[in-house]
Amino acid sequence: MAVFIDFENLALGFQGRRDRFEIDRILERLVEKGKIVAKKAYADWSRFGTYTAPLHEAAIELVEIPRRAQSGKNSADIRLCVDAM
Protein backbone atom coordinates (compact mmCIF):
# COMPACT_ATOMS: atom_id res chain seq x y z
CA MET A 1 0.00 0.00 0.00
CA ALA A 2 1.07 3.60 -0.53
CA VAL A 3 0.21 6.65 1.55
CA PHE A 4 -0.20 10.01 -0.20
CA ILE A 5 -1.04 12.97 2.05
CA ASP A 6 -2.31 16.34 0.85
CA PHE A 7 -0.87 17.94 3.96
CA GLU A 8 -2.25 21.43 3.37
CA ASN A 9 -5.81 20.08 3.52
CA LEU A 10 -4.96 17.99 6.57
CA ALA A 11 -3.43 20.98 8.38
CA LEU A 12 -6.57 23.03 7.74
CA GLY A 13 -8.51 20.48 9.77
CA PHE A 14 -6.19 20.98 12.75
CA GLN A 15 -6.27 24.79 12.68
CA GLY A 16 -7.54 26.24 15.93
CA ARG A 17 -7.80 22.85 17.67
CA ARG A 18 -5.92 21.65 20.72
CA ASP A 19 -5.51 18.18 19.24
CA ARG A 20 -2.05 17.39 17.94
CA PHE A 21 -1.35 15.84 14.59
CA GLU A 22 0.16 12.41 15.30
CA ILE A 23 1.33 10.68 12.12
CA ASP A 24 2.56 7.66 14.10
CA ARG A 25 -0.98 6.76 15.16
CA ILE A 26 -2.15 6.89 11.55
CA LEU A 27 0.73 4.75 10.29
CA GLU A 28 0.30 2.19 13.08
CA ARG A 29 -3.30 1.68 12.03
CA LEU A 30 -2.39 1.38 8.34
CA VAL A 31 0.34 -1.20 9.03
CA GLU A 32 -2.38 -3.42 10.50
CA LYS A 33 -3.91 -3.49 7.01
CA GLY A 34 -0.71 -4.31 5.13
CA LYS A 35 2.82 -3.31 4.23
CA ILE A 36 3.40 0.36 3.39
CA VAL A 37 5.80 0.65 0.46
CA ALA A 38 5.65 4.41 -0.15
CA LYS A 39 4.84 7.43 2.04
CA LYS A 40 4.67 10.97 0.63
CA ALA A 41 3.25 14.25 1.91
CA TYR A 42 2.62 17.24 -0.34
CA ALA A 43 2.65 20.89 0.77
CA ASP A 44 4.41 24.23 0.66
CA TRP A 45 6.68 23.21 3.53
CA SER A 46 7.78 26.78 4.23
CA ARG A 47 4.30 27.20 5.75
CA PHE A 48 4.34 23.99 7.83
CA GLY A 49 7.87 23.85 9.28
CA THR A 50 6.75 22.58 12.69
CA TYR A 51 5.43 19.39 11.10
CA THR A 52 8.49 18.44 9.06
CA ALA A 53 10.51 16.77 11.84
CA PRO A 54 7.77 14.28 12.87
CA LEU A 55 7.12 13.43 9.22
CA HIS A 56 10.84 12.89 8.54
CA GLU A 57 11.07 10.67 11.63
CA ALA A 58 8.22 8.58 10.19
CA ALA A 59 10.22 8.20 6.93
CA ILE A 60 7.70 10.20 4.92
CA GLU A 61 9.05 11.89 1.81
CA LEU A 62 8.17 15.59 1.83
CA VAL A 63 7.26 16.81 -1.64
CA GLU A 64 7.59 20.58 -2.01
CA ILE A 65 4.67 22.25 -3.75
CA PRO A 66 5.48 25.99 -3.82
CA ARG A 67 2.54 28.34 -3.51
CA ARG A 68 2.38 30.33 -6.72
CA ALA A 69 -0.95 32.16 -6.49
CA GLN A 70 -4.44 31.83 -5.11
CA SER A 71 -5.32 29.71 -8.14
CA GLY A 72 -2.45 27.31 -7.36
CA LYS A 73 -4.58 25.51 -4.77
CA ASN A 74 -4.84 22.36 -6.87
CA SER A 75 -1.10 21.99 -7.49
CA ALA A 76 -0.68 19.51 -4.64
CA ASP A 77 -3.78 17.59 -5.74
CA ILE A 78 -2.49 17.23 -9.29
CA ARG A 79 1.02 16.19 -8.22
CA LEU A 80 -0.39 13.68 -5.74
CA CYS A 81 -2.62 12.12 -8.41
CA VAL A 82 0.24 11.87 -10.91
CA ASP A 83 2.48 10.18 -8.32
CA ALA A 84 -0.29 7.79 -7.31
CA MET A 85 -0.76 6.66 -10.90
PDB file of N, CA and C in Angstrom:
ATOM      1  N   MET A   1       0.849  -1.164   0.000  1.00  0.00           N
ATOM      2  CA  MET A   1       0.000   0.000   0.000  1.00  0.00           C
ATOM      3  C   MET A   1       0.896   1.229   0.000  1.00  0.00           C
ATOM      4  N   ALA A   2       0.361   2.321  -0.501  1.00  0.00           N
ATOM      5  CA  ALA A   2       1.073   3.596  -0.532  1.00  0.00           C
ATOM      6  C   ALA A   2       0.222   4.650   0.174  1.00  0.00           C
ATOM      7  N   VAL A   3       0.894   5.576   0.829  1.00  0.00           N
ATOM      8  CA  VAL A   3       0.212   6.647   1.550  1.00  0.00           C
ATOM      9  C   VAL A   3       0.593   7.972   0.900  1.00  0.00           C
ATOM     10  N   PHE A   4      -0.397   8.700   0.416  1.00  0.00           N
ATOM     11  CA  PHE A   4      -0.196  10.010  -0.203  1.00  0.00           C
ATOM     12  C   PHE A   4      -1.027  11.021   0.590  1.00  0.00           C
ATOM     13  N   ILE A   5      -0.369  12.020   1.154  1.00  0.00           N
ATOM     14  CA  ILE A   5      -1.035  12.967   2.045  1.00  0.00           C
ATOM     15  C   ILE A   5      -1.022  14.366   1.436  1.00  0.00           C
ATOM     16  N   ASP A   6      -2.194  14.930   1.226  1.00  0.00           N
ATOM     17  CA  ASP A   6      -2.308  16.340   0.854  1.00  0.00           C
ATOM     18  C   ASP A   6      -2.265  17.096   2.181  1.00  0.00           C
ATOM     19  N   PHE A   7      -1.057  17.440   2.603  1.00  0.00           N
ATOM     20  CA  PHE A   7      -0.873  17.937   3.961  1.00  0.00           C
ATOM     21  C   PHE A   7      -1.540  19.282   4.194  1.00  0.00           C
ATOM     22  N   GLU A   8      -1.610  20.120   3.189  1.00  0.00           N
ATOM     23  CA  GLU A   8      -2.247  21.426   3.372  1.00  0.00           C
ATOM     24  C   GLU A   8      -3.711  21.255   3.771  1.00  0.00           C
ATOM     25  N   ASN A   9      -4.416  20.340   3.144  1.00  0.00           N
ATOM     26  CA  ASN A   9      -5.813  20.080   3.517  1.00  0.00           C
ATOM     27  C   ASN A   9      -5.905  19.487   4.917  1.00  0.00           C
ATOM     28  N   LEU A  10      -4.980  18.601   5.246  1.00  0.00           N
ATOM     29  CA  LEU A  10      -4.964  17.989   6.570  1.00  0.00           C
ATOM     30  C   LEU A  10      -4.720  19.048   7.645  1.00  0.00           C
ATOM     31  N   ALA A  11      -3.765  19.932   7.405  1.00  0.00           N
ATOM     32  CA  ALA A  11      -3.433  20.976   8.380  1.00  0.00           C
ATOM     33  C   ALA A  11      -4.608  21.918   8.607  1.00  0.00           C
ATOM     34  N   LEU A  12      -5.394  22.169   7.572  1.00  0.00           N
ATOM     35  CA  LEU A  12      -6.574  23.027   7.736  1.00  0.00           C
ATOM     36  C   LEU A  12      -7.538  22.448   8.767  1.00  0.00           C
ATOM     37  N   GLY A  13      -7.632  21.136   8.811  1.00  0.00           N
ATOM     38  CA  GLY A  13      -8.508  20.476   9.771  1.00  0.00           C
ATOM     39  C   GLY A  13      -8.038  20.605  11.207  1.00  0.00           C
ATOM     40  N   PHE A  14      -6.741  20.847  11.412  1.00  0.00           N
ATOM     41  CA  PHE A  14      -6.191  20.977  12.754  1.00  0.00           C
ATOM     42  C   PHE A  14      -6.081  22.426  13.207  1.00  0.00           C
ATOM     43  N   GLN A  15      -6.361  23.370  12.330  1.00  0.00           N
ATOM     44  CA  GLN A  15      -6.269  24.786  12.676  1.00  0.00           C
ATOM     45  C   GLN A  15      -7.226  25.133  13.800  1.00  0.00           C
ATOM     46  N   GLY A  16      -6.706  25.786  14.831  1.00  0.00           N
ATOM     47  CA  GLY A  16      -7.544  26.238  15.932  1.00  0.00           C
ATOM     48  C   GLY A  16      -7.967  25.152  16.904  1.00  0.00           C
ATOM     49  N   ARG A  17      -7.443  23.954  16.760  1.00  0.00           N
ATOM     50  CA  ARG A  17      -7.797  22.852  17.666  1.00  0.00           C
ATOM     51  C   ARG A  17      -6.650  22.587  18.622  1.00  0.00           C
ATOM     52  N   ARG A  18      -6.967  22.015  19.766  1.00  0.00           N
ATOM     53  CA  ARG A  18      -5.921  21.654  20.721  1.00  0.00           C
ATOM     54  C   ARG A  18      -5.330  20.283  20.416  1.00  0.00           C
ATOM     55  N   ASP A  19      -6.023  19.505  19.606  1.00  0.00           N
ATOM     56  CA  ASP A  19      -5.507  18.184  19.239  1.00  0.00           C
ATOM     57  C   ASP A  19      -4.198  18.340  18.485  1.00  0.00           C
ATOM     58  N   ARG A  20      -3.307  17.391  18.680  1.00  0.00           N
ATOM     59  CA  ARG A  20      -2.046  17.394  17.944  1.00  0.00           C
ATOM     60  C   ARG A  20      -2.152  16.427  16.785  1.00  0.00           C
ATOM     61  N   PHE A  21      -1.435  16.740  15.726  1.00  0.00           N
ATOM     62  CA  PHE A  21      -1.353  15.835  14.585  1.00  0.00           C
ATOM     63  C   PHE A  21      -0.322  14.771  14.924  1.00  0.00           C
ATOM     64  N   GLU A  22      -0.733  13.504  14.947  1.00  0.00           N
ATOM     65  CA  GLU A  22       0.165  12.406  15.299  1.00  0.00           C
ATOM     66  C   GLU A  22       0.208  11.402  14.157  1.00  0.00           C
ATOM     67  N   ILE A  23       1.195  11.553  13.292  1.00  0.00           N
ATOM     68  CA  ILE A  23       1.327  10.681  12.123  1.00  0.00           C
ATOM     69  C   ILE A  23       1.576   9.236  12.535  1.00  0.00           C
ATOM     70  N   ASP A  24       2.262   9.028  13.660  1.00  0.00           N
ATOM     71  CA  ASP A  24       2.559   7.660  14.099  1.00  0.00           C
ATOM     72  C   ASP A  24       1.285   6.854  14.342  1.00  0.00           C
ATOM     73  N   ARG A  25       0.278   7.474  14.912  1.00  0.00           N
ATOM     74  CA  ARG A  25      -0.984   6.764  15.161  1.00  0.00           C
ATOM     75  C   ARG A  25      -1.642   6.342  13.854  1.00  0.00           C
ATOM     76  N   ILE A  26      -1.570   7.209  12.856  1.00  0.00           N
ATOM     77  CA  ILE A  26      -2.149   6.895  11.549  1.00  0.00           C
ATOM     78  C   ILE A  26      -1.405   5.726  10.912  1.00  0.00           C
ATOM     79  N   LEU A  27      -0.073   5.801  10.927  1.00  0.00           N
ATOM     80  CA  LEU A  27       0.731   4.753  10.292  1.00  0.00           C
ATOM     81  C   LEU A  27       0.588   3.413  11.006  1.00  0.00           C
ATOM     82  N   GLU A  28       0.498   3.435  12.334  1.00  0.00           N
ATOM     83  CA  GLU A  28       0.304   2.192  13.085  1.00  0.00           C
ATOM     84  C   GLU A  28      -0.980   1.491  12.646  1.00  0.00           C
ATOM     85  N   ARG A  29      -2.011   2.256  12.461  1.00  0.00           N
ATOM     86  CA  ARG A  29      -3.298   1.679  12.029  1.00  0.00           C
ATOM     87  C   ARG A  29      -3.204   1.121  10.613  1.00  0.00           C
ATOM     88  N   LEU A  30      -2.519   1.844   9.727  1.00  0.00           N
ATOM     89  CA  LEU A  30      -2.390   1.380   8.343  1.00  0.00           C
ATOM     90  C   LEU A  30      -1.551   0.110   8.240  1.00  0.00           C
ATOM     91  N   VAL A  31      -0.523  -0.005   9.063  1.00  0.00           N
ATOM     92  CA  VAL A  31       0.335  -1.197   9.032  1.00  0.00           C
ATOM     93  C   VAL A  31      -0.468  -2.445   9.392  1.00  0.00           C
ATOM     94  N   GLU A  32      -1.511  -2.278  10.187  1.00  0.00           N
ATOM     95  CA  GLU A  32      -2.381  -3.415  10.504  1.00  0.00           C
ATOM     96  C   GLU A  32      -3.069  -3.953   9.252  1.00  0.00           C
ATOM     97  N   LYS A  33      -3.234  -3.106   8.251  1.00  0.00           N
ATOM     98  CA  LYS A  33      -3.914  -3.486   7.009  1.00  0.00           C
ATOM     99  C   LYS A  33      -2.971  -4.079   5.968  1.00  0.00           C
ATOM    100  N   GLY A  34      -1.663  -3.791   6.096  1.00  0.00           N
ATOM    101  CA  GLY A  34      -0.705  -4.307   5.125  1.00  0.00           C
ATOM    102  C   GLY A  34       0.589  -3.523   5.142  1.00  0.00           C
ATOM    103  N   LYS A  35       1.509  -3.943   4.299  1.00  0.00           N
ATOM    104  CA  LYS A  35       2.825  -3.313   4.231  1.00  0.00           C
ATOM    105  C   LYS A  35       2.734  -1.986   3.473  1.00  0.00           C
ATOM    106  N   ILE A  36       3.350  -0.951   4.044  1.00  0.00           N
ATOM    107  CA  ILE A  36       3.397   0.359   3.391  1.00  0.00           C
ATOM    108  C   ILE A  36       4.704   0.436   2.612  1.00  0.00           C
ATOM    109  N   VAL A  37       4.601   0.624   1.309  1.00  0.00           N
ATOM    110  CA  VAL A  37       5.802   0.649   0.464  1.00  0.00           C
ATOM    111  C   VAL A  37       6.215   2.061   0.055  1.00  0.00           C
ATOM    112  N   ALA A  38       5.317   3.026   0.187  1.00  0.00           N
ATOM    113  CA  ALA A  38       5.651   4.414  -0.148  1.00  0.00           C
ATOM    114  C   ALA A  38       4.842   5.345   0.743  1.00  0.00           C
ATOM    115  N   LYS A  39       5.502   6.427   1.198  1.00  0.00           N
ATOM    116  CA  LYS A  39       4.835   7.432   2.036  1.00  0.00           C
ATOM    117  C   LYS A  39       5.290   8.806   1.563  1.00  0.00           C
ATOM    118  N   LYS A  40       4.349   9.623   1.113  1.00  0.00           N
ATOM    119  CA  LYS A  40       4.668  10.966   0.633  1.00  0.00           C
ATOM    120  C   LYS A  40       3.649  11.960   1.173  1.00  0.00           C
ATOM    121  N   ALA A  41       4.131  13.157   1.479  1.00  0.00           N
ATOM    122  CA  ALA A  41       3.254  14.247   1.912  1.00  0.00           C
ATOM    123  C   ALA A  41       3.559  15.475   1.064  1.00  0.00           C
ATOM    124  N   TYR A  42       2.510  16.137   0.609  1.00  0.00           N
ATOM    125  CA  TYR A  42       2.619  17.244  -0.343  1.00  0.00           C
ATOM    126  C   TYR A  42       2.165  18.542   0.312  1.00  0.00           C
ATOM    127  N   ALA A  43       3.017  19.583   0.219  1.00  0.00           N
ATOM    128  CA  ALA A  43       2.652  20.892   0.770  1.00  0.00           C
ATOM    129  C   ALA A  43       3.721  21.913   0.410  1.00  0.00           C
ATOM    130  N   ASP A  44       3.410  23.163   0.676  1.00  0.00           N
ATOM    131  CA  ASP A  44       4.405  24.229   0.656  1.00  0.00           C
ATOM    132  C   ASP A  44       5.016  24.198   2.053  1.00  0.00           C
ATOM    133  N   TRP A  45       6.120  23.496   2.211  1.00  0.00           N
ATOM    134  CA  TRP A  45       6.676  23.205   3.531  1.00  0.00           C
ATOM    135  C   TRP A  45       7.198  24.436   4.253  1.00  0.00           C
ATOM    136  N   SER A  46       7.382  25.545   3.554  1.00  0.00           N
ATOM    137  CA  SER A  46       7.778  26.783   4.234  1.00  0.00           C
ATOM    138  C   SER A  46       6.656  27.260   5.162  1.00  0.00           C
ATOM    139  N   ARG A  47       5.456  26.821   4.927  1.00  0.00           N
ATOM    140  CA  ARG A  47       4.298  27.197   5.753  1.00  0.00           C
ATOM    141  C   ARG A  47       4.035  26.214   6.895  1.00  0.00           C
ATOM    142  N   PHE A  48       4.649  25.037   6.845  1.00  0.00           N
ATOM    143  CA  PHE A  48       4.344  23.991   7.830  1.00  0.00           C
ATOM    144  C   PHE A  48       5.611  23.418   8.460  1.00  0.00           C
ATOM    145  N   GLY A  49       6.569  24.281   8.763  1.00  0.00           N
ATOM    146  CA  GLY A  49       7.866  23.854   9.284  1.00  0.00           C
ATOM    147  C   GLY A  49       7.800  23.035  10.559  1.00  0.00           C
ATOM    148  N   THR A  50       6.833  23.308  11.419  1.00  0.00           N
ATOM    149  CA  THR A  50       6.753  22.583  12.690  1.00  0.00           C
ATOM    150  C   THR A  50       6.383  21.114  12.502  1.00  0.00           C
ATOM    151  N   TYR A  51       5.849  20.773  11.351  1.00  0.00           N
ATOM    152  CA  TYR A  51       5.431  19.389  11.105  1.00  0.00           C
ATOM    153  C   TYR A  51       6.499  18.555  10.399  1.00  0.00           C
ATOM    154  N   THR A  52       7.539  19.196   9.880  1.00  0.00           N
ATOM    155  CA  THR A  52       8.490  18.444   9.056  1.00  0.00           C
ATOM    156  C   THR A  52       9.278  17.406   9.842  1.00  0.00           C
ATOM    157  N   ALA A  53       9.711  17.726  11.053  1.00  0.00           N
ATOM    158  CA  ALA A  53      10.508  16.770  11.835  1.00  0.00           C
ATOM    159  C   ALA A  53       9.740  15.475  12.118  1.00  0.00           C
ATOM    160  N   PRO A  54       8.500  15.533  12.629  1.00  0.00           N
ATOM    161  CA  PRO A  54       7.773  14.276  12.866  1.00  0.00           C
ATOM    162  C   PRO A  54       7.549  13.462  11.592  1.00  0.00           C
ATOM    163  N   LEU A  55       7.326  14.143  10.475  1.00  0.00           N
ATOM    164  CA  LEU A  55       7.119  13.428   9.218  1.00  0.00           C
ATOM    165  C   LEU A  55       8.414  12.779   8.744  1.00  0.00           C
ATOM    166  N   HIS A  56       9.539  13.484   8.887  1.00  0.00           N
ATOM    167  CA  HIS A  56      10.837  12.890   8.545  1.00  0.00           C
ATOM    168  C   HIS A  56      11.116  11.669   9.414  1.00  0.00           C
ATOM    169  N   GLU A  57      10.841  11.789  10.701  1.00  0.00           N
ATOM    170  CA  GLU A  57      11.066  10.672  11.627  1.00  0.00           C
ATOM    171  C   GLU A  57      10.234   9.455  11.249  1.00  0.00           C
ATOM    172  N   ALA A  58       9.094   9.675  10.634  1.00  0.00           N
ATOM    173  CA  ALA A  58       8.225   8.579  10.193  1.00  0.00           C
ATOM    174  C   ALA A  58       8.588   8.104   8.783  1.00  0.00           C
ATOM    175  N   ALA A  59       9.715   8.595   8.260  1.00  0.00           N
ATOM    176  CA  ALA A  59      10.221   8.202   6.929  1.00  0.00           C
ATOM    177  C   ALA A  59       9.256   8.565   5.806  1.00  0.00           C
ATOM    178  N   ILE A  60       8.607   9.705   5.958  1.00  0.00           N
ATOM    179  CA  ILE A  60       7.703  10.195   4.921  1.00  0.00           C
ATOM    180  C   ILE A  60       8.464  11.184   4.050  1.00  0.00           C
ATOM    181  N   GLU A  61       8.402  10.982   2.751  1.00  0.00           N
ATOM    182  CA  GLU A  61       9.046  11.889   1.809  1.00  0.00           C
ATOM    183  C   GLU A  61       8.215  13.167   1.706  1.00  0.00           C
ATOM    184  N   LEU A  62       8.863  14.305   1.926  1.00  0.00           N
ATOM    185  CA  LEU A  62       8.172  15.588   1.834  1.00  0.00           C
ATOM    186  C   LEU A  62       8.345  16.137   0.427  1.00  0.00           C
ATOM    187  N   VAL A  63       7.247  16.301  -0.271  1.00  0.00           N
ATOM    188  CA  VAL A  63       7.263  16.808  -1.640  1.00  0.00           C
ATOM    189  C   VAL A  63       6.882  18.286  -1.590  1.00  0.00           C
ATOM    190  N   GLU A  64       7.799  19.132  -2.045  1.00  0.00           N
ATOM    191  CA  GLU A  64       7.593  20.580  -2.007  1.00  0.00           C
ATOM    192  C   GLU A  64       6.673  21.015  -3.139  1.00  0.00           C
ATOM    193  N   ILE A  65       5.598  21.680  -2.775  1.00  0.00           N
ATOM    194  CA  ILE A  65       4.666  22.255  -3.745  1.00  0.00           C
ATOM    195  C   ILE A  65       4.608  23.755  -3.444  1.00  0.00           C
ATOM    196  N   PRO A  66       5.449  24.547  -4.123  1.00  0.00           N
ATOM    197  CA  PRO A  66       5.476  25.986  -3.823  1.00  0.00           C
ATOM    198  C   PRO A  66       4.143  26.655  -4.132  1.00  0.00           C
ATOM    199  N   ARG A  67       3.789  27.582  -3.295  1.00  0.00           N
ATOM    200  CA  ARG A  67       2.543  28.336  -3.510  1.00  0.00           C
ATOM    201  C   ARG A  67       2.824  29.422  -4.537  1.00  0.00           C
ATOM    202  N   ARG A  68       2.140  29.370  -5.644  1.00  0.00           N
ATOM    203  CA  ARG A  68       2.376  30.329  -6.724  1.00  0.00           C
ATOM    204  C   ARG A  68       1.360  31.462  -6.723  1.00  0.00           C
ATOM    205  N   ALA A  69       0.120  31.155  -6.469  1.00  0.00           N
ATOM    206  CA  ALA A  69      -0.949  32.158  -6.490  1.00  0.00           C
ATOM    207  C   ALA A  69      -2.178  31.557  -5.833  1.00  0.00           C
ATOM    208  N   GLN A  70      -3.190  32.334  -5.687  1.00  0.00           N
ATOM    209  CA  GLN A  70      -4.436  31.826  -5.112  1.00  0.00           C
ATOM    210  C   GLN A  70      -4.986  30.681  -5.946  1.00  0.00           C
ATOM    211  N   SER A  71      -4.794  30.753  -7.260  1.00  0.00           N
ATOM    212  CA  SER A  71      -5.325  29.709  -8.139  1.00  0.00           C
ATOM    213  C   SER A  71      -4.481  28.443  -8.108  1.00  0.00           C
ATOM    214  N   GLY A  72      -3.329  28.470  -7.426  1.00  0.00           N
ATOM    215  CA  GLY A  72      -2.451  27.305  -7.361  1.00  0.00           C
ATOM    216  C   GLY A  72      -2.880  26.276  -6.338  1.00  0.00           C
ATOM    217  N   LYS A  73      -4.075  26.402  -5.804  1.00  0.00           N
ATOM    218  CA  LYS A  73      -4.580  25.508  -4.767  1.00  0.00           C
ATOM    219  C   LYS A  73      -4.531  24.047  -5.175  1.00  0.00           C
ATOM    220  N   ASN A  74      -4.773  23.747  -6.434  1.00  0.00           N
ATOM    221  CA  ASN A  74      -4.842  22.355  -6.870  1.00  0.00           C
ATOM    222  C   ASN A  74      -3.497  21.758  -7.243  1.00  0.00           C
ATOM    223  N   SER A  75      -2.417  22.503  -7.112  1.00  0.00           N
ATOM    224  CA  SER A  75      -1.101  21.991  -7.494  1.00  0.00           C
ATOM    225  C   SER A  75      -0.749  20.715  -6.742  1.00  0.00           C
ATOM    226  N   ALA A  76      -0.982  20.702  -5.437  1.00  0.00           N
ATOM    227  CA  ALA A  76      -0.681  19.509  -4.643  1.00  0.00           C
ATOM    228  C   ALA A  76      -1.572  18.351  -5.063  1.00  0.00           C
ATOM    229  N   ASP A  77      -2.841  18.635  -5.321  1.00  0.00           N
ATOM    230  CA  ASP A  77      -3.776  17.586  -5.738  1.00  0.00           C
ATOM    231  C   ASP A  77      -3.323  16.931  -7.038  1.00  0.00           C
ATOM    232  N   ILE A  78      -2.917  17.750  -7.987  1.00  0.00           N
ATOM    233  CA  ILE A  78      -2.488  17.226  -9.288  1.00  0.00           C
ATOM    234  C   ILE A  78      -1.224  16.399  -9.137  1.00  0.00           C
ATOM    235  N   ARG A  79      -0.240  16.912  -8.403  1.00  0.00           N
ATOM    236  CA  ARG A  79       1.020  16.190  -8.217  1.00  0.00           C
ATOM    237  C   ARG A  79       0.786  14.867  -7.493  1.00  0.00           C
ATOM    238  N   LEU A  80      -0.062  14.891  -6.480  1.00  0.00           N
ATOM    239  CA  LEU A  80      -0.389  13.678  -5.736  1.00  0.00           C
ATOM    240  C   LEU A  80      -1.014  12.637  -6.659  1.00  0.00           C
ATOM    241  N   CYS A  81      -1.952  13.048  -7.485  1.00  0.00           N
ATOM    242  CA  CYS A  81      -2.616  12.117  -8.413  1.00  0.00           C
ATOM    243  C   CYS A  81      -1.634  11.532  -9.421  1.00  0.00           C
ATOM    244  N   VAL A  82      -0.756  12.358  -9.946  1.00  0.00           N
ATOM    245  CA  VAL A  82       0.239  11.872 -10.908  1.00  0.00           C
ATOM    246  C   VAL A  82       1.150  10.846 -10.240  1.00  0.00           C
ATOM    247  N   ASP A  83       1.618  11.134  -9.029  1.00  0.00           N
ATOM    248  CA  ASP A  83       2.483  10.185  -8.321  1.00  0.00           C
ATOM    249  C   ASP A  83       1.745   8.886  -7.998  1.00  0.00           C
ATOM    250  N   ALA A  84       0.476   8.987  -7.661  1.00  0.00           N
ATOM    251  CA  ALA A  84      -0.295   7.793  -7.311  1.00  0.00           C
ATOM    252  C   ALA A  84      -0.502   6.872  -8.509  1.00  0.00           C
ATOM    253  N   MET A  85      -0.561   7.472  -9.694  1.00  0.00           N
ATOM    254  CA  MET A  85      -0.762   6.657 -10.898  1.00  0.00           C
ATOM    255  C   MET A  85       0.514   5.934 -11.238  1.00  0.00           C
TER     256      MET A  85
END
